PDB file of all heavy atoms in Angstrom:
ATOM      1  N   ALA A   1      21.166 -34.345 -12.761  1.00  0.00           N
ATOM      2  CA  ALA A   1      21.910 -33.089 -12.765  1.00  0.00           C
ATOM      3  C   ALA A   1      22.476 -32.743 -11.390  1.00  0.00           C
ATOM      4  O   ALA A   1      23.496 -32.060 -11.291  1.00  0.00           O
ATOM      5  CB  ALA A   1      21.006 -31.960 -13.262  1.00  0.00           C
ATOM      6  N   SER A   2      21.831 -33.224 -10.328  1.00  0.00           N
ATOM      7  CA  SER A   2      22.292 -32.885  -8.974  1.00  0.00           C
ATOM      8  C   SER A   2      23.341 -33.860  -8.443  1.00  0.00           C
ATOM      9  O   SER A   2      23.911 -33.627  -7.383  1.00  0.00           O
ATOM     10  CB  SER A   2      21.110 -32.813  -8.011  1.00  0.00           C
ATOM     11  OG  SER A   2      20.510 -34.084  -7.875  1.00  0.00           O
ATOM     12  N   ALA A   3      23.635 -34.922  -9.159  1.00  0.00           N
ATOM     13  CA  ALA A   3      24.631 -35.899  -8.705  1.00  0.00           C
ATOM     14  C   ALA A   3      26.000 -35.267  -8.425  1.00  0.00           C
ATOM     15  O   ALA A   3      26.631 -35.605  -7.416  1.00  0.00           O
ATOM     16  CB  ALA A   3      24.738 -37.039  -9.705  1.00  0.00           C
ATOM     17  N   PRO A   4      26.484 -34.351  -9.266  1.00  0.00           N
ATOM     18  CA  PRO A   4      27.776 -33.730  -8.937  1.00  0.00           C
ATOM     19  C   PRO A   4      27.731 -32.933  -7.627  1.00  0.00           C
ATOM     20  O   PRO A   4      28.727 -32.885  -6.905  1.00  0.00           O
ATOM     21  CB  PRO A   4      28.053 -32.798 -10.123  1.00  0.00           C
ATOM     22  CG  PRO A   4      27.264 -33.386 -11.245  1.00  0.00           C
ATOM     23  CD  PRO A   4      26.041 -33.973 -10.607  1.00  0.00           C
ATOM     24  N   LEU A   5      26.593 -32.361  -7.315  1.00  0.00           N
ATOM     25  CA  LEU A   5      26.482 -31.633  -6.041  1.00  0.00           C
ATOM     26  C   LEU A   5      26.565 -32.593  -4.863  1.00  0.00           C
ATOM     27  O   LEU A   5      27.167 -32.281  -3.830  1.00  0.00           O
ATOM     28  CB  LEU A   5      25.174 -30.839  -6.002  1.00  0.00           C
ATOM     29  CG  LEU A   5      25.028 -29.764  -7.086  1.00  0.00           C
ATOM     30  CD1 LEU A   5      23.654 -29.117  -7.009  1.00  0.00           C
ATOM     31  CD2 LEU A   5      26.136 -28.735  -6.954  1.00  0.00           C
ATOM     32  N   ALA A   6      25.960 -33.758  -5.009  1.00  0.00           N
ATOM     33  CA  ALA A   6      26.057 -34.777  -3.964  1.00  0.00           C
ATOM     34  C   ALA A   6      27.502 -35.231  -3.800  1.00  0.00           C
ATOM     35  O   ALA A   6      27.971 -35.463  -2.685  1.00  0.00           O
ATOM     36  CB  ALA A   6      25.146 -35.955  -4.294  1.00  0.00           C
ATOM     37  N   TRP A   7      28.217 -35.362  -4.919  1.00  0.00           N
ATOM     38  CA  TRP A   7      29.628 -35.738  -4.869  1.00  0.00           C
ATOM     39  C   TRP A   7      30.432 -34.687  -4.102  1.00  0.00           C
ATOM     40  O   TRP A   7      31.286 -35.020  -3.292  1.00  0.00           O
ATOM     41  CB  TRP A   7      30.175 -35.899  -6.285  1.00  0.00           C
ATOM     42  CG  TRP A   7      31.613 -36.310  -6.320  1.00  0.00           C
ATOM     43  CD1 TRP A   7      32.703 -35.511  -6.141  1.00  0.00           C
ATOM     44  CD2 TRP A   7      32.118 -37.624  -6.524  1.00  0.00           C
ATOM     45  NE1 TRP A   7      33.862 -36.240  -6.248  1.00  0.00           N
ATOM     46  CE2 TRP A   7      33.530 -37.551  -6.466  1.00  0.00           C
ATOM     47  CE3 TRP A   7      31.525 -38.857  -6.755  1.00  0.00           C
ATOM     48  CZ2 TRP A   7      34.333 -38.659  -6.637  1.00  0.00           C
ATOM     49  CZ3 TRP A   7      32.342 -39.952  -6.930  1.00  0.00           C
ATOM     50  CH2 TRP A   7      33.727 -39.851  -6.862  1.00  0.00           C
ATOM     51  N   LEU A   8      30.143 -33.410  -4.374  1.00  0.00           N
ATOM     52  CA  LEU A   8      30.863 -32.328  -3.692  1.00  0.00           C
ATOM     53  C   LEU A   8      30.643 -32.349  -2.188  1.00  0.00           C
ATOM     54  O   LEU A   8      31.486 -31.876  -1.430  1.00  0.00           O
ATOM     55  CB  LEU A   8      30.442 -30.968  -4.262  1.00  0.00           C
ATOM     56  CG  LEU A   8      31.054 -30.588  -5.602  1.00  0.00           C
ATOM     57  CD1 LEU A   8      30.434 -29.301  -6.131  1.00  0.00           C
ATOM     58  CD2 LEU A   8      32.555 -30.444  -5.493  1.00  0.00           C
ATOM     59  N   ALA A   9      29.525 -32.897  -1.738  1.00  0.00           N
ATOM     60  CA  ALA A   9      29.244 -32.977  -0.305  1.00  0.00           C
ATOM     61  C   ALA A   9      30.192 -33.943   0.399  1.00  0.00           C
ATOM     62  O   ALA A   9      30.412 -33.823   1.605  1.00  0.00           O
ATOM     63  CB  ALA A   9      27.797 -33.395  -0.077  1.00  0.00           C
ATOM     64  N   VAL A  10      30.759 -34.898  -0.329  1.00  0.00           N
ATOM     65  CA  VAL A  10      31.644 -35.886   0.300  1.00  0.00           C
ATOM     66  C   VAL A  10      33.096 -35.761  -0.131  1.00  0.00           C
ATOM     67  O   VAL A  10      33.969 -36.376   0.471  1.00  0.00           O
ATOM     68  CB  VAL A  10      31.153 -37.332   0.028  1.00  0.00           C
ATOM     69  CG1 VAL A  10      29.809 -37.569   0.660  1.00  0.00           C
ATOM     70  CG2 VAL A  10      31.108 -37.637  -1.448  1.00  0.00           C
ATOM     71  N   GLY A  11      33.387 -35.001  -1.183  1.00  0.00           N
ATOM     72  CA  GLY A  11      34.772 -34.865  -1.621  1.00  0.00           C
ATOM     73  C   GLY A  11      34.905 -33.920  -2.787  1.00  0.00           C
ATOM     74  O   GLY A  11      33.918 -33.390  -3.300  1.00  0.00           O
ATOM     75  N   ALA A  12      36.147 -33.726  -3.187  1.00  0.00           N
ATOM     76  CA  ALA A  12      36.425 -32.822  -4.305  1.00  0.00           C
ATOM     77  C   ALA A  12      36.112 -33.527  -5.624  1.00  0.00           C
ATOM     78  O   ALA A  12      36.249 -34.736  -5.748  1.00  0.00           O
ATOM     79  CB  ALA A  12      37.887 -32.395  -4.281  1.00  0.00           C
ATOM     80  N   MET A  13      35.694 -32.748  -6.585  1.00  0.00           N
ATOM     81  CA  MET A  13      35.430 -33.290  -7.919  1.00  0.00           C
ATOM     82  C   MET A  13      36.752 -33.639  -8.589  1.00  0.00           C
ATOM     83  O   MET A  13      37.735 -32.913  -8.445  1.00  0.00           O
ATOM     84  CB  MET A  13      34.695 -32.250  -8.783  1.00  0.00           C
ATOM     85  CG  MET A  13      33.285 -31.957  -8.349  1.00  0.00           C
ATOM     86  SD  MET A  13      32.174 -33.325  -8.606  1.00  0.00           S
ATOM     87  CE  MET A  13      32.049 -33.328 -10.365  1.00  0.00           C
ATOM     88  N   PRO A  14      36.773 -34.742  -9.328  1.00  0.00           N
ATOM     89  CA  PRO A  14      37.994 -35.035 -10.084  1.00  0.00           C
ATOM     90  C   PRO A  14      38.170 -33.991 -11.191  1.00  0.00           C
ATOM     91  O   PRO A  14      37.184 -33.439 -11.684  1.00  0.00           O
ATOM     92  CB  PRO A  14      37.730 -36.427 -10.669  1.00  0.00           C
ATOM     93  CG  PRO A  14      36.268 -36.650 -10.559  1.00  0.00           C
ATOM     94  CD  PRO A  14      35.745 -35.753  -9.490  1.00  0.00           C
ATOM     95  N   PRO A  15      39.401 -33.706 -11.571  1.00  0.00           N
ATOM     96  CA  PRO A  15      39.605 -32.690 -12.615  1.00  0.00           C
ATOM     97  C   PRO A  15      39.060 -33.162 -13.958  1.00  0.00           C
ATOM     98  O   PRO A  15      39.177 -34.329 -14.310  1.00  0.00           O
ATOM     99  CB  PRO A  15      41.121 -32.523 -12.670  1.00  0.00           C
ATOM    100  CG  PRO A  15      41.665 -33.780 -12.078  1.00  0.00           C
ATOM    101  CD  PRO A  15      40.649 -34.278 -11.095  1.00  0.00           C
ATOM    102  N   ALA A  16      38.448 -32.238 -14.652  1.00  0.00           N
ATOM    103  CA  ALA A  16      37.924 -32.540 -15.984  1.00  0.00           C
ATOM    104  C   ALA A  16      38.974 -32.165 -17.021  1.00  0.00           C
ATOM    105  O   ALA A  16      39.599 -31.113 -16.930  1.00  0.00           O
ATOM    106  CB  ALA A  16      36.644 -31.760 -16.238  1.00  0.00           C
ATOM    107  N   GLN A  17      39.162 -33.037 -17.988  1.00  0.00           N
ATOM    108  CA  GLN A  17      40.109 -32.759 -19.068  1.00  0.00           C
ATOM    109  C   GLN A  17      39.388 -33.012 -20.378  1.00  0.00           C
ATOM    110  O   GLN A  17      39.010 -34.142 -20.675  1.00  0.00           O
ATOM    111  CB  GLN A  17      41.336 -33.653 -18.959  1.00  0.00           C
ATOM    112  CG  GLN A  17      42.331 -33.409 -20.059  1.00  0.00           C
ATOM    113  CD  GLN A  17      43.556 -34.290 -19.925  1.00  0.00           C
ATOM    114  OE1 GLN A  17      43.850 -34.791 -18.857  1.00  0.00           O
ATOM    115  NE2 GLN A  17      44.267 -34.463 -21.015  1.00  0.00           N
ATOM    116  N   ILE A  18      39.195 -31.968 -21.143  1.00  0.00           N
ATOM    117  CA  ILE A  18      38.528 -32.072 -22.439  1.00  0.00           C
ATOM    118  C   ILE A  18      39.563 -31.763 -23.505  1.00  0.00           C
ATOM    119  O   ILE A  18      40.105 -30.661 -23.555  1.00  0.00           O
ATOM    120  CB  ILE A  18      37.321 -31.112 -22.524  1.00  0.00           C
ATOM    121  CG1 ILE A  18      36.322 -31.458 -21.427  1.00  0.00           C
ATOM    122  CG2 ILE A  18      36.684 -31.184 -23.902  1.00  0.00           C
ATOM    123  CD1 ILE A  18      35.193 -30.484 -21.261  1.00  0.00           C
ATOM    124  N   ASP A  19      39.836 -32.772 -24.335  1.00  0.00           N
ATOM    125  CA  ASP A  19      40.921 -32.645 -25.305  1.00  0.00           C
ATOM    126  C   ASP A  19      40.464 -32.233 -26.700  1.00  0.00           C
ATOM    127  O   ASP A  19      41.275 -32.223 -27.621  1.00  0.00           O
ATOM    128  CB  ASP A  19      41.667 -33.978 -25.403  1.00  0.00           C
ATOM    129  CG  ASP A  19      42.357 -34.347 -24.106  1.00  0.00           C
ATOM    130  OD1 ASP A  19      42.763 -33.436 -23.370  1.00  0.00           O
ATOM    131  OD2 ASP A  19      42.483 -35.556 -23.833  1.00  0.00           O
ATOM    132  N   HIS A  20      39.185 -31.948 -26.870  1.00  0.00           N
ATOM    133  CA  HIS A  20      38.689 -31.623 -28.202  1.00  0.00           C
ATOM    134  C   HIS A  20      37.923 -30.305 -28.182  1.00  0.00           C
ATOM    135  O   HIS A  20      37.507 -29.823 -27.133  1.00  0.00           O
ATOM    136  CB  HIS A  20      37.817 -32.757 -28.730  1.00  0.00           C
ATOM    137  CG  HIS A  20      38.582 -34.032 -28.911  1.00  0.00           C
ATOM    138  ND1 HIS A  20      39.499 -34.223 -29.916  1.00  0.00           N
ATOM    139  CD2 HIS A  20      38.593 -35.174 -28.192  1.00  0.00           C
ATOM    140  CE1 HIS A  20      40.039 -35.421 -29.810  1.00  0.00           C
ATOM    141  NE2 HIS A  20      39.511 -36.019 -28.766  1.00  0.00           N
ATOM    142  N   SER A  21      37.701 -29.773 -29.350  1.00  0.00           N
ATOM    143  CA  SER A  21      37.078 -28.462 -29.486  1.00  0.00           C
ATOM    144  C   SER A  21      35.582 -28.525 -29.173  1.00  0.00           C
ATOM    145  O   SER A  21      34.952 -29.576 -29.331  1.00  0.00           O
ATOM    146  CB  SER A  21      37.264 -27.940 -30.910  1.00  0.00           C
ATOM    147  OG  SER A  21      36.465 -28.708 -31.805  1.00  0.00           O
ATOM    148  N   PRO A  22      35.019 -27.396 -28.767  1.00  0.00           N
ATOM    149  CA  PRO A  22      33.576 -27.353 -28.547  1.00  0.00           C
ATOM    150  C   PRO A  22      32.782 -27.718 -29.813  1.00  0.00           C
ATOM    151  O   PRO A  22      31.730 -28.347 -29.721  1.00  0.00           O
ATOM    152  CB  PRO A  22      33.317 -25.905 -28.140  1.00  0.00           C
ATOM    153  CG  PRO A  22      34.606 -25.448 -27.548  1.00  0.00           C
ATOM    154  CD  PRO A  22      35.667 -26.162 -28.332  1.00  0.00           C
ATOM    155  N   ALA A  23      33.302 -27.373 -30.972  1.00  0.00           N
ATOM    156  CA  ALA A  23      32.608 -27.708 -32.225  1.00  0.00           C
ATOM    157  C   ALA A  23      32.527 -29.226 -32.411  1.00  0.00           C
ATOM    158  O   ALA A  23      31.471 -29.765 -32.754  1.00  0.00           O
ATOM    159  CB  ALA A  23      33.314 -27.064 -33.412  1.00  0.00           C
ATOM    160  N   LEU A  24      33.638 -29.921 -32.174  1.00  0.00           N
ATOM    161  CA  LEU A  24      33.644 -31.377 -32.312  1.00  0.00           C
ATOM    162  C   LEU A  24      32.715 -32.026 -31.287  1.00  0.00           C
ATOM    163  O   LEU A  24      31.982 -32.967 -31.601  1.00  0.00           O
ATOM    164  CB  LEU A  24      35.060 -31.930 -32.163  1.00  0.00           C
ATOM    165  CG  LEU A  24      35.204 -33.435 -32.348  1.00  0.00           C
ATOM    166  CD1 LEU A  24      34.783 -33.851 -33.758  1.00  0.00           C
ATOM    167  CD2 LEU A  24      36.632 -33.865 -32.068  1.00  0.00           C
ATOM    168  N   LEU A  25      32.719 -31.517 -30.066  1.00  0.00           N
ATOM    169  CA  LEU A  25      31.833 -32.047 -29.032  1.00  0.00           C
ATOM    170  C   LEU A  25      30.364 -31.813 -29.391  1.00  0.00           C
ATOM    171  O   LEU A  25      29.516 -32.674 -29.141  1.00  0.00           O
ATOM    172  CB  LEU A  25      32.164 -31.423 -27.674  1.00  0.00           C
ATOM    173  CG  LEU A  25      33.544 -31.757 -27.115  1.00  0.00           C
ATOM    174  CD1 LEU A  25      33.798 -30.981 -25.831  1.00  0.00           C
ATOM    175  CD2 LEU A  25      33.702 -33.241 -26.896  1.00  0.00           C
ATOM    176  N   THR A  26      30.062 -30.669 -29.973  1.00  0.00           N
ATOM    177  CA  THR A  26      28.698 -30.374 -30.403  1.00  0.00           C
ATOM    178  C   THR A  26      28.255 -31.323 -31.501  1.00  0.00           C
ATOM    179  O   THR A  26      27.150 -31.880 -31.455  1.00  0.00           O
ATOM    180  CB  THR A  26      28.583 -28.912 -30.872  1.00  0.00           C
ATOM    181  OG1 THR A  26      28.963 -28.052 -29.787  1.00  0.00           O
ATOM    182  CG2 THR A  26      27.172 -28.586 -31.317  1.00  0.00           C
TER     183      THR A  26
END
């Protein structure tokens, strides 16, 4: 869970693109 925080320490997070509904993802 802390890996994205480590990434932020060295650079910007890549943009997230979610093309489907929360219901489908669930």
